[in-house]
C-alpha atoms as a PDB file:
ATOM      1  CA  UNK A   1       9.863   0.813  -8.746  1.00  0.00           C
ATOM      2  CA  UNK A   2       8.684   3.021 -11.571  1.00  0.00           C
ATOM      3  CA  UNK A   3       8.540   6.469 -10.036  1.00  0.00           C
ATOM      4  CA  UNK A   4       8.489   8.323 -13.368  1.00  0.00           C
ATOM      5  CA  UNK A   5       5.460   6.323 -14.526  1.00  0.00           C
ATOM      6  CA  UNK A   6       3.724   6.922 -11.202  1.00  0.00           C
ATOM      7  CA  UNK A   7       4.384  10.661 -11.438  1.00  0.00           C
ATOM      8  CA  UNK A   8       2.913  10.903 -14.940  1.00  0.00           C
ATOM      9  CA  UNK A   9      -0.102   8.873 -13.768  1.00  0.00           C
ATOM     10  CA  UNK A  10      -0.551  11.077 -10.691  1.00  0.00           C
ATOM     11  CA  UNK A  11      -0.360  14.199 -12.848  1.00  0.00           C
ATOM     12  CA  UNK A  12      -3.051  12.805 -15.157  1.00  0.00           C
ATOM     13  CA  UNK A  13      -5.278  11.811 -12.223  1.00  0.00           C
ATOM     14  CA  UNK A  14      -4.862  15.259 -10.642  1.00  0.00           C
ATOM     15  CA  UNK A  15      -5.251  17.051 -14.007  1.00  0.00           C
ATOM     16  CA  UNK A  16      -1.992  18.958 -13.447  1.00  0.00           C
ATOM     17  CA  UNK A  17       0.402  19.655 -16.281  1.00  0.00           C
ATOM     18  CA  UNK A  18       4.166  20.126 -16.084  1.00  0.00           C
ATOM     19  CA  UNK A  19       3.921  23.935 -16.025  1.00  0.00           C
ATOM     20  CA  UNK A  20       1.467  24.000 -13.123  1.00  0.00           C
ATOM     21  CA  UNK A  21       3.435  21.371 -11.214  1.00  0.00           C
ATOM     22  CA  UNK A  22       6.601  23.426 -11.621  1.00  0.00           C
ATOM     23  CA  UNK A  23       4.807  26.519 -10.350  1.00  0.00           C
ATOM     24  CA  UNK A  24       3.305  24.697  -7.360  1.00  0.00           C
ATOM     25  CA  UNK A  25       6.672  23.215  -6.356  1.00  0.00           C
ATOM     26  CA  UNK A  26       8.749  26.290  -7.126  1.00  0.00           C
ATOM     27  CA  UNK A  27      10.843  24.146  -9.466  1.00  0.00           C
ATOM     28  CA  UNK A  28      12.366  24.773 -12.854  1.00  0.00           C
ATOM     29  CA  UNK A  29       9.973  23.551 -15.553  1.00  0.00           C
ATOM     30  CA  UNK A  30      12.900  21.867 -17.303  1.00  0.00           C
ATOM     31  CA  UNK A  31      13.455  19.725 -14.186  1.00  0.00           C
ATOM     32  CA  UNK A  32       9.820  18.599 -14.261  1.00  0.00           C
ATOM     33  CA  UNK A  33      10.134  17.746 -17.944  1.00  0.00           C
ATOM     34  CA  UNK A  34      13.332  15.866 -17.267  1.00  0.00           C
ATOM     35  CA  UNK A  35      11.861  13.680 -14.526  1.00  0.00           C
ATOM     36  CA  UNK A  36       8.611  13.001 -16.374  1.00  0.00           C
ATOM     37  CA  UNK A  37      10.593  11.678 -19.362  1.00  0.00           C
ATOM     38  CA  UNK A  38      13.291   9.748 -17.516  1.00  0.00           C
ATOM     39  CA  UNK A  39      12.182   6.144 -16.709  1.00  0.00           C
ATOM     40  CA  UNK A  40      15.320   5.724 -14.515  1.00  0.00           C
ATOM     41  CA  UNK A  41      14.399   8.622 -12.209  1.00  0.00           C
ATOM     42  CA  UNK A  42      14.922   7.650  -8.548  1.00  0.00           C
ATOM     43  CA  UNK A  43      13.639  10.398  -6.240  1.00  0.00           C
ATOM     44  CA  UNK A  44      14.383  10.914  -2.590  1.00  0.00           C
ATOM     45  CA  UNK A  45      11.492  10.735  -0.167  1.00  0.00           C
ATOM     46  CA  UNK A  46      11.359  14.515   0.307  1.00  0.00           C
ATOM     47  CA  UNK A  47      10.960  14.947  -3.440  1.00  0.00           C
ATOM     48  CA  UNK A  48       8.086  12.448  -3.513  1.00  0.00           C
ATOM     49  CA  UNK A  49       6.405  14.192  -0.609  1.00  0.00           C
ATOM     50  CA  UNK A  50       6.852  17.616  -2.210  1.00  0.00           C
ATOM     51  CA  UNK A  51       5.476  16.468  -5.578  1.00  0.00           C
ATOM     52  CA  UNK A  52       2.502  14.659  -4.029  1.00  0.00           C
ATOM     53  CA  UNK A  53       1.691  17.692  -1.918  1.00  0.00           C
ATOM     54  CA  UNK A  54       1.795  19.925  -4.990  1.00  0.00           C
ATOM     55  CA  UNK A  55      -0.423  17.433  -6.891  1.00  0.00           C
ATOM     56  CA  UNK A  56      -2.713  17.099  -3.880  1.00  0.00           C
ATOM     57  CA  UNK A  57      -2.224  13.368  -4.294  1.00  0.00           C
ATOM     58  CA  UNK A  58      -2.048  10.610  -1.692  1.00  0.00           C
ATOM     59  CA  UNK A  59       1.581   9.577  -1.114  1.00  0.00           C
ATOM     60  CA  UNK A  60       0.761   5.975  -0.325  1.00  0.00           C
ATOM     61  CA  UNK A  61      -1.292   5.609  -3.501  1.00  0.00           C
ATOM     62  CA  UNK A  62       1.589   7.123  -5.473  1.00  0.00           C
ATOM     63  CA  UNK A  63       4.098   4.655  -3.966  1.00  0.00           C
ATOM     64  CA  UNK A  64       1.715   1.764  -4.503  1.00  0.00           C
ATOM     65  CA  UNK A  65       1.373   2.636  -8.186  1.00  0.00           C
ATOM     66  CA  UNK A  66       5.151   3.021  -8.517  1.00  0.00           C
ATOM     67  CA  UNK A  67       5.490  -0.504  -7.173  1.00  0.00           C
ATOM     68  CA  UNK A  68       2.616  -2.462  -8.747  1.00  0.00           C
ATOM     69  CA  UNK A  69       0.675  -0.176 -11.085  1.00  0.00           C
ATOM     70  CA  UNK A  70       3.536   0.027 -13.532  1.00  0.00           C
ATOM     71  CA  UNK A  71       3.311  -3.769 -13.970  1.00  0.00           C
ATOM     72  CA  UNK A  72      -0.224  -3.568 -15.277  1.00  0.00           C
ATOM     73  CA  UNK A  73      -1.819  -4.255 -11.895  1.00  0.00           C
ATOM     74  CA  UNK A  74      -4.202  -1.810 -10.307  1.00  0.00           C
ATOM     75  CA  UNK A  75      -3.015  -0.271  -7.041  1.00  0.00           C
ATOM     76  CA  UNK A  76      -5.348  -0.717  -4.146  1.00  0.00           C
ATOM     77  CA  UNK A  77      -6.706   2.567  -2.775  1.00  0.00           C
ATOM     78  CA  UNK A  78      -5.391   3.717   0.580  1.00  0.00           C
ATOM     79  CA  UNK A  79      -8.113   2.744   3.078  1.00  0.00           C
ATOM     80  CA  UNK A  80      -6.577   4.716   5.937  1.00  0.00           C
ATOM     81  CA  UNK A  81      -7.408   8.016   4.231  1.00  0.00           C
ATOM     82  CA  UNK A  82      -9.982   7.203   1.581  1.00  0.00           C
ATOM     83  CA  UNK A  83     -10.836   9.788  -1.002  1.00  0.00           C
ATOM     84  CA  UNK A  84     -14.584  10.430  -1.123  1.00  0.00           C
ATOM     85  CA  UNK A  85     -16.228   9.436  -4.371  1.00  0.00           C
ATOM     86  CA  UNK A  86     -17.937  12.554  -5.680  1.00  0.00           C
ATOM     87  CA  UNK A  87     -19.267  10.916  -8.844  1.00  0.00           C
ATOM     88  CA  UNK A  88     -21.200   8.156  -7.095  1.00  0.00           C
ATOM     89  CA  UNK A  89     -21.522   9.080  -3.424  1.00  0.00           C
ATOM     90  CA  UNK A  90     -22.712   6.469  -0.988  1.00  0.00           C
ATOM     91  CA  UNK A  91     -26.391   7.116  -0.231  1.00  0.00           C
ATOM     92  CA  UNK A  92     -27.261   8.091   3.294  1.00  0.00           C
ATOM     93  CA  UNK A  93     -29.209   5.141   4.763  1.00  0.00           C
ATOM     94  CA  UNK A  94     -30.159   6.877   7.966  1.00  0.00           C
ATOM     95  CA  UNK A  95     -33.841   7.736   8.230  1.00  0.00           C
ATOM     96  CA  UNK A  96     -35.013  10.749  10.183  1.00  0.00           C
END
């Protein structure tokens, strides 16, 4: 699994840079830089949860990308907790 690649992707999707992520997690900015540049980074589950929480990013989507997205495939969105699409919302078909 490519956790480092998934973290960089999640940061881009969340529009969060290393400095803001370090502040949100209470981490040393050098640690954030180290993990975002180390392709061999293997985090523990609590680290993944902490980072995803700070990024406000779905953990299952993060793990899916770490597994398949790094191979050029697109991860499937988590359907248990879908993120609403604010750019193209589904029209309300109910008539009053």
